[in-house]
Every structure is written in structure tokens, then in C-alpha cells.
């Protein structure tokens, strides 16, 4: 009931209760509060029993705790593995999958997972890398996975009209 109250806060509440009600009236106040809590619990239990009896015999094992979403998912999905989720969960390695996607994006072969580094560049020219720069525009698609050589200091980067 009071899961988030620390010991120091509890001591402060007790001292505050003694100061407000006084030491001679405090036992009667505590007894009244406990009686009220018992009545609320009894009312709650009676309401639950009335609901169960109104629902009928097919809901005799119905628990109100199952209405909480976390408990519902735990009971019906995680514990009862009729959908094969445990096999999927065990067969999926997120780190491995992310490494494979990263390697594919960077164009790294699956066998070597070394980072290509920030100085490598992708060849966006329309020409094939073997054709050279002066052969006049070929009809080959840009090679997105082949790393081009680093251009000279005064050389302009290749222009791709499809990218603009």
C-alpha cells in the first residue's frame, strides 16, 4: 500500500500524527482508520463476488488482476507460447542484425566488419570505375558500393543530375 514511502518519511508522519492528535487520542484514531480500511476491503471483495456471480460459471476463474495490461500480456502472451514467440525471441540477435545492416550500408563484405573510416568516398560518377575519367559519359548506373579514389585538391566532385 505504501511502497514509495521511505523510513524517514514514515517517522515524520508518526511524529506529525502524535503532534496533531496527541498521545492519548492517537490509539483511537488508528483503530478508526483500521476499521475504515477493513470496511473498504470487505466492500471491494463483495463487489468482486457479485460481478463473478453475475458473469456466470464460464468466468469463475476470472481474476480482476488480469485486467491490468501488463498482467494480461504476461499471462496470455508470454507464459502461453501458442504463437511461437519464444522461438522468435531466442532466434533473433539484434546486435548481429544491426551489424549486418551497417555492413551492407557501408558496402563492407560480410566476412570483414572493419569500419571503412571517414576518409573513404563512394564513387557517384555515371561512368564505370574501370572506364576512366575521359571516356565520355557511359550509360552505366552509379556504383554505390565501390569506394572511389580520393579526388585531388583542386578537382571538383562528380556531378549527378539525378541526385538534384
C-alpha atoms as a PDB file:
ATOM      1  CA  UNK A   1       0.000   0.000   0.000  1.00  0.00           C
ATOM      2  CA  UNK A   2       2.786   2.448   0.905  1.00  0.00           C
ATOM      3  CA  UNK A   3       5.580   1.183  -1.319  1.00  0.00           C
ATOM      4  CA  UNK A   4       7.052   4.593  -2.092  1.00  0.00           C
ATOM      5  CA  UNK A   5       7.288   5.892   1.500  1.00  0.00           C
ATOM      6  CA  UNK A   6      10.753   5.669   2.992  1.00  0.00           C
ATOM      7  CA  UNK A   7      11.564   5.053   6.648  1.00  0.00           C
ATOM      8  CA  UNK A   8      12.386   8.713   7.329  1.00  0.00           C
ATOM      9  CA  UNK A   9       9.072   9.827   5.826  1.00  0.00           C
ATOM     10  CA  UNK A  10       7.213   7.244   7.926  1.00  0.00           C
ATOM     11  CA  UNK A  11       8.862   8.534  11.109  1.00  0.00           C
ATOM     12  CA  UNK A  12       7.932  12.095  10.113  1.00  0.00           C
ATOM     13  CA  UNK A  13       4.282  11.020   9.602  1.00  0.00           C
ATOM     14  CA  UNK A  14       4.184   9.325  13.017  1.00  0.00           C
ATOM     15  CA  UNK A  15       5.609  12.413  14.716  1.00  0.00           C
ATOM     16  CA  UNK A  16       3.124  14.608  12.859  1.00  0.00           C
ATOM     17  CA  UNK A  17       0.229  12.343  13.902  1.00  0.00           C
ATOM     18  CA  UNK A  18       1.327  12.471  17.567  1.00  0.00           C
ATOM     19  CA  UNK A  19       1.540  16.276  17.401  1.00  0.00           C
ATOM     20  CA  UNK A  20      -1.874  16.671  15.728  1.00  0.00           C
ATOM     21  CA  UNK A  21      -3.947  14.097  17.662  1.00  0.00           C
ATOM     22  CA  UNK A  22      -1.955  13.858  20.872  1.00  0.00           C
ATOM     23  CA  UNK A  23      -0.690  10.663  22.525  1.00  0.00           C
ATOM     24  CA  UNK A  24      -3.976   9.902  24.318  1.00  0.00           C
ATOM     25  CA  UNK A  25      -6.266  10.160  21.211  1.00  0.00           C
ATOM     26  CA  UNK A  26      -3.838   8.522  18.735  1.00  0.00           C
ATOM     27  CA  UNK A  27      -4.771   4.840  19.528  1.00  0.00           C
ATOM     28  CA  UNK A  28      -8.474   5.586  18.937  1.00  0.00           C
ATOM     29  CA  UNK A  29      -7.693   7.367  15.616  1.00  0.00           C
ATOM     30  CA  UNK A  30      -5.579   4.409  14.478  1.00  0.00           C
ATOM     31  CA  UNK A  31      -8.376   1.962  15.385  1.00  0.00           C
ATOM     32  CA  UNK A  32     -10.913   4.089  13.476  1.00  0.00           C
ATOM     33  CA  UNK A  33      -8.684   4.223  10.384  1.00  0.00           C
ATOM     34  CA  UNK A  34      -8.096   0.448  10.504  1.00  0.00           C
ATOM     35  CA  UNK A  35     -11.846  -0.164  10.814  1.00  0.00           C
ATOM     36  CA  UNK A  36     -12.449   2.049   7.769  1.00  0.00           C
ATOM     37  CA  UNK A  37      -9.799   0.141   5.765  1.00  0.00           C
ATOM     38  CA  UNK A  38     -11.438  -3.185   6.729  1.00  0.00           C
ATOM     39  CA  UNK A  39     -14.867  -1.920   5.607  1.00  0.00           C
ATOM     40  CA  UNK A  40     -13.476  -0.751   2.246  1.00  0.00           C
ATOM     41  CA  UNK A  41     -11.780  -4.141   1.711  1.00  0.00           C
ATOM     42  CA  UNK A  42     -14.975  -6.001   2.576  1.00  0.00           C
ATOM     43  CA  UNK A  43     -16.974  -3.781   0.211  1.00  0.00           C
ATOM     44  CA  UNK A  44     -14.437  -4.422  -2.563  1.00  0.00           C
ATOM     45  CA  UNK A  45     -14.469  -8.194  -2.009  1.00  0.00           C
ATOM     46  CA  UNK A  46     -18.288  -8.261  -2.024  1.00  0.00           C
ATOM     47  CA  UNK A  47     -18.378  -6.255  -5.264  1.00  0.00           C
ATOM     48  CA  UNK A  48     -15.928  -8.687  -6.899  1.00  0.00           C
ATOM     49  CA  UNK A  49     -18.006 -11.668  -5.821  1.00  0.00           C
ATOM     50  CA  UNK A  50     -21.194 -10.040  -7.131  1.00  0.00           C
ATOM     51  CA  UNK A  51     -19.555  -9.414 -10.510  1.00  0.00           C
ATOM     52  CA  UNK A  52     -18.280 -13.015 -10.696  1.00  0.00           C
ATOM     53  CA  UNK A  53     -21.730 -14.399  -9.860  1.00  0.00           C
ATOM     54  CA  UNK A  54     -23.384 -12.163 -12.483  1.00  0.00           C
ATOM     55  CA  UNK A  55     -20.912 -13.200 -15.194  1.00  0.00           C
ATOM     56  CA  UNK A  56     -21.793 -16.860 -14.847  1.00  0.00           C
ATOM     57  CA  UNK A  57     -19.920 -20.150 -14.443  1.00  0.00           C
ATOM     58  CA  UNK A  58     -17.687 -19.687 -17.512  1.00  0.00           C
ATOM     59  CA  UNK A  59     -15.960 -16.781 -15.721  1.00  0.00           C
ATOM     60  CA  UNK A  60     -15.470 -18.494 -12.365  1.00  0.00           C
ATOM     61  CA  UNK A  61     -11.647 -18.375 -12.705  1.00  0.00           C
ATOM     62  CA  UNK A  62     -11.729 -14.687 -13.746  1.00  0.00           C
ATOM     63  CA  UNK A  63      -9.220 -12.553 -11.859  1.00  0.00           C
ATOM     64  CA  UNK A  64      -9.503  -8.775 -11.735  1.00  0.00           C
ATOM     65  CA  UNK A  65      -5.716  -8.526 -11.724  1.00  0.00           C
ATOM     66  CA  UNK A  66      -5.810  -9.804 -15.332  1.00  0.00           C
ATOM     67  CA  UNK A  67      -7.411  -6.519 -16.373  1.00  0.00           C
ATOM     68  CA  UNK A  68      -4.093  -4.742 -15.898  1.00  0.00           C
ATOM     69  CA  UNK A  69      -2.390  -4.674 -19.320  1.00  0.00           C
ATOM     70  CA  UNK A  70       0.989  -5.862 -18.027  1.00  0.00           C
ATOM     71  CA  UNK A  71      -0.539  -8.877 -16.258  1.00  0.00           C
ATOM     72  CA  UNK A  72      -2.758  -9.666 -19.269  1.00  0.00           C
ATOM     73  CA  UNK A  73       0.193  -9.713 -21.675  1.00  0.00           C
ATOM     74  CA  UNK A  74       2.334 -11.736 -19.284  1.00  0.00           C
ATOM     75  CA  UNK A  75      -0.367 -14.353 -18.743  1.00  0.00           C
ATOM     76  CA  UNK A  76      -1.754 -14.719 -22.261  1.00  0.00           C
ATOM     77  CA  UNK A  77       1.226 -13.978 -24.499  1.00  0.00           C
ATOM     78  CA  UNK A  78       4.471 -14.566 -22.646  1.00  0.00           C
ATOM     79  CA  UNK A  79       3.609 -17.585 -20.487  1.00  0.00           C
ATOM     80  CA  UNK A  80       1.286 -19.261 -23.004  1.00  0.00           C
ATOM     81  CA  UNK A  81       3.578 -19.538 -26.039  1.00  0.00           C
ATOM     82  CA  UNK A  82       0.980 -20.733 -28.525  1.00  0.00           C
ATOM     83  CA  UNK A  83       2.200 -18.231 -31.145  1.00  0.00           C
ATOM     84  CA  UNK A  84       5.849 -19.358 -31.123  1.00  0.00           C
ATOM     85  CA  UNK A  85       7.126 -16.050 -29.784  1.00  0.00           C
ATOM     86  CA  UNK A  86       9.749 -17.671 -27.577  1.00  0.00           C
ATOM     87  CA  UNK A  87      11.405 -19.285 -30.611  1.00  0.00           C
ATOM     88  CA  UNK A  88      11.418 -15.967 -32.464  1.00  0.00           C
ATOM     89  CA  UNK A  89      12.792 -14.151 -29.425  1.00  0.00           C
ATOM     90  CA  UNK A  90      15.576 -16.697 -28.974  1.00  0.00           C
ATOM     91  CA  UNK A  91      16.474 -16.770 -32.684  1.00  0.00           C
ATOM     92  CA  UNK A  92      16.791 -13.001 -33.086  1.00  0.00           C
ATOM     93  CA  UNK A  93      20.119 -11.372 -32.266  1.00  0.00           C
ATOM     94  CA  UNK A  94      19.680  -7.615 -32.556  1.00  0.00           C
ATOM     95  CA  UNK A  95      23.392  -6.784 -32.425  1.00  0.00           C
ATOM     96  CA  UNK A  96      24.191  -9.241 -35.217  1.00  0.00           C
ATOM     97  CA  UNK A  97      21.324  -7.979 -37.396  1.00  0.00           C
ATOM     98  CA  UNK A  98      22.346  -4.345 -36.889  1.00  0.00           C
ATOM     99  CA  UNK A  99      25.978  -5.174 -37.738  1.00  0.00           C
ATOM    100  CA  UNK A 100      24.874  -6.864 -40.972  1.00  0.00           C
ATOM    101  CA  UNK A 101      22.724  -3.854 -41.945  1.00  0.00           C
ATOM    102  CA  UNK A 102      25.574  -1.469 -41.154  1.00  0.00           C
ATOM    103  CA  UNK A 103      27.991  -3.538 -43.235  1.00  0.00           C
ATOM    104  CA  UNK A 104      25.543  -3.591 -46.140  1.00  0.00           C
ATOM    105  CA  UNK A 105      25.074   0.183 -45.977  1.00  0.00           C
ATOM    106  CA  UNK A 106      28.812   0.826 -45.858  1.00  0.00           C
ATOM    107  CA  UNK A 107      29.455  -1.706 -48.601  1.00  0.00           C
ATOM    108  CA  UNK A 108      31.682  -3.865 -46.438  1.00  0.00           C
ATOM    109  CA  UNK A 109      31.871  -7.562 -47.264  1.00  0.00           C
ATOM    110  CA  UNK A 110      30.131  -9.789 -44.698  1.00  0.00           C
ATOM    111  CA  UNK A 111      33.393 -11.564 -43.814  1.00  0.00           C
ATOM    112  CA  UNK A 112      35.198  -8.397 -42.740  1.00  0.00           C
ATOM    113  CA  UNK A 113      33.405  -5.978 -40.473  1.00  0.00           C
ATOM    114  CA  UNK A 114      36.118  -3.316 -40.360  1.00  0.00           C
ATOM    115  CA  UNK A 115      34.901   0.256 -40.400  1.00  0.00           C
ATOM    116  CA  UNK A 116      35.818   1.927 -43.698  1.00  0.00           C
ATOM    117  CA  UNK A 117      36.624   5.170 -41.915  1.00  0.00           C
ATOM    118  CA  UNK A 118      35.667   8.771 -42.606  1.00  0.00           C
ATOM    119  CA  UNK A 119      38.168   9.347 -45.463  1.00  0.00           C
ATOM    120  CA  UNK A 120      36.723   6.774 -47.854  1.00  0.00           C
ATOM    121  CA  UNK A 121      34.371   8.041 -50.542  1.00  0.00           C
ATOM    122  CA  UNK A 122      31.673   6.479 -52.630  1.00  0.00           C
ATOM    123  CA  UNK A 123      32.019   6.719 -56.416  1.00  0.00           C
ATOM    124  CA  UNK A 124      28.924   8.564 -57.673  1.00  0.00           C
ATOM    125  CA  UNK A 125      30.080   9.072 -61.245  1.00  0.00           C
ATOM    126  CA  UNK A 126      27.955   7.788 -64.107  1.00  0.00           C
ATOM    127  CA  UNK A 127      30.986   6.084 -65.630  1.00  0.00           C
ATOM    128  CA  UNK A 128      32.161   2.702 -64.533  1.00  0.00           C
ATOM    129  CA  UNK A 129      35.309   2.850 -62.385  1.00  0.00           C
ATOM    130  CA  UNK A 130      37.334   0.938 -64.971  1.00  0.00           C
ATOM    131  CA  UNK A 131      36.409   3.304 -67.832  1.00  0.00           C
ATOM    132  CA  UNK A 132      38.431   6.270 -66.550  1.00  0.00           C
ATOM    133  CA  UNK A 133      37.500   9.918 -66.456  1.00  0.00           C
ATOM    134  CA  UNK A 134      37.969  10.918 -70.085  1.00  0.00           C
ATOM    135  CA  UNK A 135      35.912   8.315 -71.924  1.00  0.00           C
ATOM    136  CA  UNK A 136      32.752  10.442 -72.315  1.00  0.00           C
ATOM    137  CA  UNK A 137      29.521   9.639 -70.459  1.00  0.00           C
ATOM    138  CA  UNK A 138      28.704   5.941 -70.368  1.00  0.00           C
ATOM    139  CA  UNK A 139      25.220   4.623 -69.667  1.00  0.00           C
ATOM    140  CA  UNK A 140      26.227   2.627 -66.586  1.00  0.00           C
ATOM    141  CA  UNK A 141      24.398   3.288 -63.321  1.00  0.00           C
ATOM    142  CA  UNK A 142      26.416   4.821 -60.490  1.00  0.00           C
ATOM    143  CA  UNK A 143      28.232   2.248 -58.401  1.00  0.00           C
ATOM    144  CA  UNK A 144      27.131   2.973 -54.848  1.00  0.00           C
ATOM    145  CA  UNK A 145      29.248   0.292 -53.173  1.00  0.00           C
ATOM    146  CA  UNK A 146      32.642   0.810 -54.797  1.00  0.00           C
ATOM    147  CA  UNK A 147      34.893   3.236 -52.988  1.00  0.00           C
ATOM    148  CA  UNK A 148      36.355   5.876 -55.295  1.00  0.00           C
ATOM    149  CA  UNK A 149      39.807   7.313 -55.018  1.00  0.00           C
ATOM    150  CA  UNK A 150      40.205  10.488 -53.036  1.00  0.00           C
ATOM    151  CA  UNK A 151      39.971  13.408 -55.502  1.00  0.00           C
ATOM    152  CA  UNK A 152      42.867  15.802 -55.930  1.00  0.00           C
ATOM    153  CA  UNK A 153      42.771  19.052 -54.011  1.00  0.00           C
ATOM    154  CA  UNK A 154      41.515  21.220 -56.910  1.00  0.00           C
ATOM    155  CA  UNK A 155      39.310  18.545 -58.511  1.00  0.00           C
ATOM    156  CA  UNK A 156      35.565  19.117 -58.347  1.00  0.00           C
ATOM    157  CA  UNK A 157      33.395  16.303 -57.027  1.00  0.00           C
ATOM    158  CA  UNK A 158      31.411  14.357 -59.643  1.00  0.00           C
ATOM    159  CA  UNK A 159      28.009  15.791 -60.535  1.00  0.00           C
ATOM    160  CA  UNK A 160      24.974  13.563 -60.590  1.00  0.00           C
ATOM    161  CA  UNK A 161      21.952  15.238 -62.221  1.00  0.00           C
ATOM    162  CA  UNK A 162      19.617  12.551 -60.887  1.00  0.00           C
ATOM    163  CA  UNK A 163      20.533  13.385 -57.303  1.00  0.00           C
ATOM    164  CA  UNK A 164      19.480  17.046 -57.522  1.00  0.00           C
END
